Amino acid sequence: LTCSIKGCSADMVAQFIASKREHREEEDRRMQELEDHPFHTMVKKASRGGELSSELEGRHKFNIDWSRSLVFILYGGLYQGMAQEFIYNRVLPILGTGTDMKTVARKVAVD
């Protein structure tokens, strides 16, 4: 359960950052289109400085991709949680105990 929550949370942070970046790039593109427009100087004079840009920025809306989040929940819970618990606590002890080079090499090869 903990691995599922961690995996999903990390993915949501990544989704938010990517969404914010896309939003910023879209704003930059729209501002560039305005600057390239022939009436840019008129618009700039009429906007009195930064009013136009703050009006264009608006609020960033973040939509969660739930299917992607579900994949991270399943991956985190099934593989990183349950499968790794089985591998580290059931399979690797069969290969030996201790920290000698031969035992560690076998465990690393299996892992």
Foldseek 3Di string as FASTA:
>chain_A
DVQLVVQLVVVLVVQVVVQVVVLVVVLVVVVVVLCPDPCNVVVCVVCPHCNVSVVSSDDRDGDDPVVVSVVSSCCRCPCVNPVVCCCVVPVLVVLDDDDDPVSVVVSVVVD
